[in-house]
């Protein structure tokens, strides 16, 4: 039952490259990326690479789940469908 909604909204094989191309076209994104990379380098030096990698992995997982929820809500999907997709 979840196959069709997952294919439509989550398993789009072209989505990553389309998002990358879109983001690269935005000067605000490029500036934010530079700021992030500078902060990442500084924090990595202060904490050590291993500790920073553990933090970044946990943060990335959390943010991916949050962004997915915003994406699905942005599509106007009802809570019942979102719950079914998450299950």
N, C-alpha and C. Protein backbone atom coordinates (compact mmCIF):
# COMPACT_ATOMS: atom_id res chain seq x y z
N UNK A 1 0.83 -1.20 0.00
CA UNK A 1 0.00 0.00 0.00
C UNK A 1 0.87 1.26 0.00
N UNK A 2 1.98 1.23 0.68
CA UNK A 2 2.85 2.41 0.77
C UNK A 2 3.73 2.59 -0.46
N UNK A 3 3.73 1.64 -1.37
CA UNK A 3 4.64 1.68 -2.50
C UNK A 3 4.42 2.90 -3.39
N UNK A 4 3.20 3.18 -3.76
CA UNK A 4 2.93 4.31 -4.67
C UNK A 4 3.29 5.65 -4.03
N UNK A 5 2.82 5.96 -2.80
CA UNK A 5 3.22 7.24 -2.20
C UNK A 5 4.74 7.35 -1.99
N UNK A 6 5.37 6.25 -1.60
CA UNK A 6 6.82 6.30 -1.43
C UNK A 6 7.52 6.60 -2.73
N UNK A 7 7.08 5.98 -3.80
CA UNK A 7 7.68 6.22 -5.11
C UNK A 7 7.46 7.66 -5.56
N UNK A 8 6.27 8.17 -5.33
CA UNK A 8 5.96 9.53 -5.75
C UNK A 8 6.72 10.59 -4.97
N UNK A 9 6.82 10.39 -3.65
CA UNK A 9 7.31 11.46 -2.80
C UNK A 9 8.70 11.24 -2.20
N UNK A 10 9.15 10.01 -2.10
CA UNK A 10 10.40 9.76 -1.38
C UNK A 10 11.48 9.12 -2.22
N UNK A 11 11.12 8.27 -3.15
CA UNK A 11 12.10 7.49 -3.90
C UNK A 11 12.34 8.05 -5.29
N UNK A 12 12.35 9.35 -5.43
CA UNK A 12 12.58 9.99 -6.72
C UNK A 12 14.08 9.97 -7.00
N UNK A 13 14.56 9.18 -7.96
CA UNK A 13 16.00 9.07 -8.18
C UNK A 13 16.64 10.35 -8.71
N UNK A 14 15.85 11.26 -9.22
CA UNK A 14 16.38 12.50 -9.78
C UNK A 14 16.43 13.64 -8.77
N UNK A 15 15.78 13.45 -7.64
CA UNK A 15 15.66 14.53 -6.65
C UNK A 15 17.01 15.07 -6.18
N UNK A 16 17.97 14.24 -5.78
CA UNK A 16 19.24 14.80 -5.29
C UNK A 16 19.95 15.69 -6.31
N UNK A 17 20.03 15.26 -7.55
CA UNK A 17 20.72 16.09 -8.55
C UNK A 17 19.94 17.36 -8.87
N UNK A 18 18.61 17.29 -8.85
CA UNK A 18 17.81 18.48 -9.09
C UNK A 18 17.96 19.48 -7.95
N UNK A 19 17.98 18.99 -6.73
CA UNK A 19 18.16 19.87 -5.57
C UNK A 19 19.54 20.50 -5.60
N UNK A 20 20.56 19.70 -5.91
CA UNK A 20 21.93 20.22 -5.98
C UNK A 20 22.03 21.33 -7.03
N UNK A 21 21.50 21.09 -8.20
CA UNK A 21 21.54 22.10 -9.27
C UNK A 21 20.82 23.37 -8.84
N UNK A 22 19.67 23.21 -8.20
CA UNK A 22 18.91 24.38 -7.73
C UNK A 22 19.71 25.16 -6.69
N UNK A 23 20.25 24.44 -5.70
CA UNK A 23 20.98 25.12 -4.63
C UNK A 23 22.21 25.85 -5.14
N UNK A 24 22.93 25.23 -6.07
CA UNK A 24 24.14 25.85 -6.63
C UNK A 24 23.80 27.16 -7.34
N UNK A 25 22.59 27.27 -7.82
CA UNK A 25 22.19 28.49 -8.54
C UNK A 25 21.86 29.64 -7.59
N UNK A 26 21.79 29.38 -6.29
CA UNK A 26 21.41 30.40 -5.32
C UNK A 26 22.63 30.97 -4.61
N UNK A 27 22.91 32.27 -4.78
CA UNK A 27 24.04 32.87 -4.08
C UNK A 27 23.94 32.72 -2.55
N UNK A 28 22.72 32.77 -2.01
CA UNK A 28 22.55 32.62 -0.55
C UNK A 28 22.98 31.24 -0.09
N UNK A 29 22.70 30.24 -0.91
CA UNK A 29 23.11 28.88 -0.57
C UNK A 29 24.63 28.77 -0.59
N UNK A 30 25.24 29.31 -1.62
CA UNK A 30 26.70 29.25 -1.73
C UNK A 30 27.36 29.93 -0.54
N UNK A 31 26.83 31.07 -0.11
CA UNK A 31 27.37 31.78 1.05
C UNK A 31 27.19 30.95 2.32
N UNK A 32 26.01 30.38 2.49
CA UNK A 32 25.74 29.54 3.67
C UNK A 32 26.66 28.33 3.68
N UNK A 33 26.93 27.75 2.53
CA UNK A 33 27.82 26.60 2.45
C UNK A 33 29.24 26.98 2.86
N UNK A 34 29.72 28.13 2.39
CA UNK A 34 31.06 28.59 2.78
C UNK A 34 31.14 28.83 4.29
N UNK A 35 30.11 29.45 4.85
CA UNK A 35 30.09 29.70 6.29
C UNK A 35 30.08 28.39 7.08
N UNK A 36 29.31 27.43 6.60
CA UNK A 36 29.25 26.12 7.26
C UNK A 36 30.62 25.44 7.22
N UNK A 37 31.25 25.46 6.06
CA UNK A 37 32.55 24.79 5.92
C UNK A 37 33.60 25.43 6.82
N UNK A 38 33.56 26.75 6.96
CA UNK A 38 34.51 27.43 7.84
C UNK A 38 34.25 27.04 9.30
N UNK A 39 32.98 27.04 9.70
CA UNK A 39 32.64 26.65 11.07
C UNK A 39 32.99 25.18 11.32
N UNK A 40 32.73 24.33 10.34
CA UNK A 40 33.06 22.91 10.46
C UNK A 40 34.55 22.70 10.70
N UNK A 41 35.37 23.40 9.94
CA UNK A 41 36.81 23.27 10.08
C UNK A 41 37.27 23.72 11.47
N UNK A 42 36.73 24.83 11.94
CA UNK A 42 37.11 25.35 13.25
C UNK A 42 36.70 24.39 14.37
N UNK A 43 35.47 23.94 14.34
CA UNK A 43 34.96 23.04 15.39
C UNK A 43 35.70 21.70 15.35
N UNK A 44 35.97 21.22 14.15
CA UNK A 44 36.69 19.95 14.00
C UNK A 44 38.08 20.06 14.62
N UNK A 45 38.75 21.19 14.42
CA UNK A 45 40.07 21.40 15.03
C UNK A 45 39.96 21.42 16.55
N UNK A 46 38.92 22.06 17.08
CA UNK A 46 38.77 22.20 18.52
C UNK A 46 38.36 20.89 19.20
N UNK A 47 37.44 20.16 18.60
CA UNK A 47 36.93 18.93 19.21
C UNK A 47 37.74 17.70 18.85
N UNK A 48 38.38 17.74 17.73
CA UNK A 48 39.00 16.55 17.17
C UNK A 48 38.07 15.97 16.14
N UNK A 49 38.66 15.36 15.14
CA UNK A 49 37.86 14.89 14.00
C UNK A 49 36.87 13.79 14.39
N UNK A 50 37.29 12.87 15.25
CA UNK A 50 36.40 11.76 15.62
C UNK A 50 35.15 12.24 16.34
N UNK A 51 35.32 13.12 17.32
CA UNK A 51 34.17 13.66 18.05
C UNK A 51 33.27 14.47 17.12
N UNK A 52 33.88 15.25 16.25
CA UNK A 52 33.10 16.05 15.33
C UNK A 52 32.32 15.15 14.37
N UNK A 53 32.93 14.08 13.88
CA UNK A 53 32.24 13.17 12.97
C UNK A 53 31.03 12.53 13.64
N UNK A 54 31.14 12.15 14.92
CA UNK A 54 30.00 11.57 15.63
C UNK A 54 28.88 12.60 15.75
N UNK A 55 29.24 13.84 16.09
CA UNK A 55 28.24 14.90 16.18
C UNK A 55 27.58 15.14 14.83
N UNK A 56 28.39 15.25 13.79
CA UNK A 56 27.84 15.56 12.47
C UNK A 56 26.93 14.45 11.96
N UNK A 57 27.27 13.21 12.24
CA UNK A 57 26.42 12.09 11.83
C UNK A 57 25.06 12.16 12.53
N UNK A 58 25.07 12.41 13.84
CA UNK A 58 23.82 12.51 14.59
C UNK A 58 22.99 13.71 14.11
N UNK A 59 23.65 14.82 13.90
CA UNK A 59 22.95 16.02 13.43
C UNK A 59 22.37 15.80 12.04
N UNK A 60 23.13 15.18 11.16
CA UNK A 60 22.65 14.94 9.80
C UNK A 60 21.44 14.03 9.79
N UNK A 61 21.46 12.99 10.61
CA UNK A 61 20.32 12.09 10.69
C UNK A 61 19.08 12.84 11.19
N UNK A 62 19.26 13.62 12.24
CA UNK A 62 18.16 14.41 12.80
C UNK A 62 17.61 15.39 11.77
N UNK A 63 18.47 16.12 11.11
CA UNK A 63 18.04 17.12 10.14
C UNK A 63 17.36 16.47 8.93
N UNK A 64 17.84 15.31 8.51
CA UNK A 64 17.21 14.62 7.39
C UNK A 64 15.78 14.25 7.73
N UNK A 65 15.55 13.77 8.94
CA UNK A 65 14.20 13.42 9.36
C UNK A 65 13.31 14.67 9.43
N UNK A 66 13.86 15.75 9.95
CA UNK A 66 13.11 17.00 10.06
C UNK A 66 12.78 17.57 8.69
N UNK A 67 13.74 17.59 7.80
CA UNK A 67 13.52 18.11 6.45
C UNK A 67 12.50 17.25 5.71
N UNK A 68 12.56 15.95 5.90
CA UNK A 68 11.58 15.06 5.27
C UNK A 68 10.17 15.40 5.74
N UNK A 69 10.02 15.63 7.03
CA UNK A 69 8.70 15.98 7.56
C UNK A 69 8.22 17.31 6.96
N UNK A 70 9.10 18.31 6.91
CA UNK A 70 8.72 19.59 6.31
C UNK A 70 8.36 19.42 4.84
N UNK A 71 9.11 18.60 4.14
CA UNK A 71 8.84 18.36 2.72
C UNK A 71 7.45 17.75 2.55
N UNK A 72 7.17 16.72 3.33
CA UNK A 72 5.87 16.06 3.20
C UNK A 72 4.72 16.97 3.61
N UNK A 73 4.90 17.72 4.69
CA UNK A 73 3.86 18.67 5.09
C UNK A 73 3.69 19.74 4.02
N UNK A 74 4.79 20.16 3.42
CA UNK A 74 4.74 21.17 2.37
C UNK A 74 3.98 20.70 1.15
N UNK A 75 3.94 19.40 0.95
CA UNK A 75 3.16 18.86 -0.15
C UNK A 75 1.67 18.86 0.17
N UNK A 76 1.34 19.20 1.42
CA UNK A 76 -0.06 19.25 1.82
C UNK A 76 -0.63 17.89 2.14
N UNK A 77 0.23 16.95 2.46
CA UNK A 77 -0.26 15.61 2.78
C UNK A 77 -0.90 15.61 4.16
N UNK A 78 -1.90 14.80 4.31
CA UNK A 78 -2.60 14.69 5.59
C UNK A 78 -1.77 13.87 6.57
N UNK A 79 -1.98 14.12 7.84
CA UNK A 79 -1.24 13.45 8.89
C UNK A 79 -1.36 11.92 8.79
N UNK A 80 -2.52 11.41 8.40
CA UNK A 80 -2.71 9.97 8.30
C UNK A 80 -1.76 9.37 7.25
N UNK A 81 -1.62 10.05 6.12
CA UNK A 81 -0.72 9.57 5.08
C UNK A 81 0.73 9.66 5.53
N UNK A 82 1.06 10.76 6.21
CA UNK A 82 2.43 10.91 6.71
C UNK A 82 2.77 9.80 7.69
N UNK A 83 1.85 9.48 8.57
CA UNK A 83 2.09 8.41 9.54
C UNK A 83 2.27 7.08 8.83
N UNK A 84 1.48 6.83 7.81
CA UNK A 84 1.60 5.58 7.05
C UNK A 84 2.94 5.49 6.34
N UNK A 85 3.41 6.61 5.79
CA UNK A 85 4.70 6.63 5.12
C UNK A 85 5.85 6.41 6.08
N UNK A 86 5.71 6.94 7.28
CA UNK A 86 6.77 6.81 8.28
C UNK A 86 6.85 5.40 8.84
N UNK A 87 5.74 4.66 8.79
CA UNK A 87 5.68 3.32 9.37
C UNK A 87 6.38 2.27 8.62
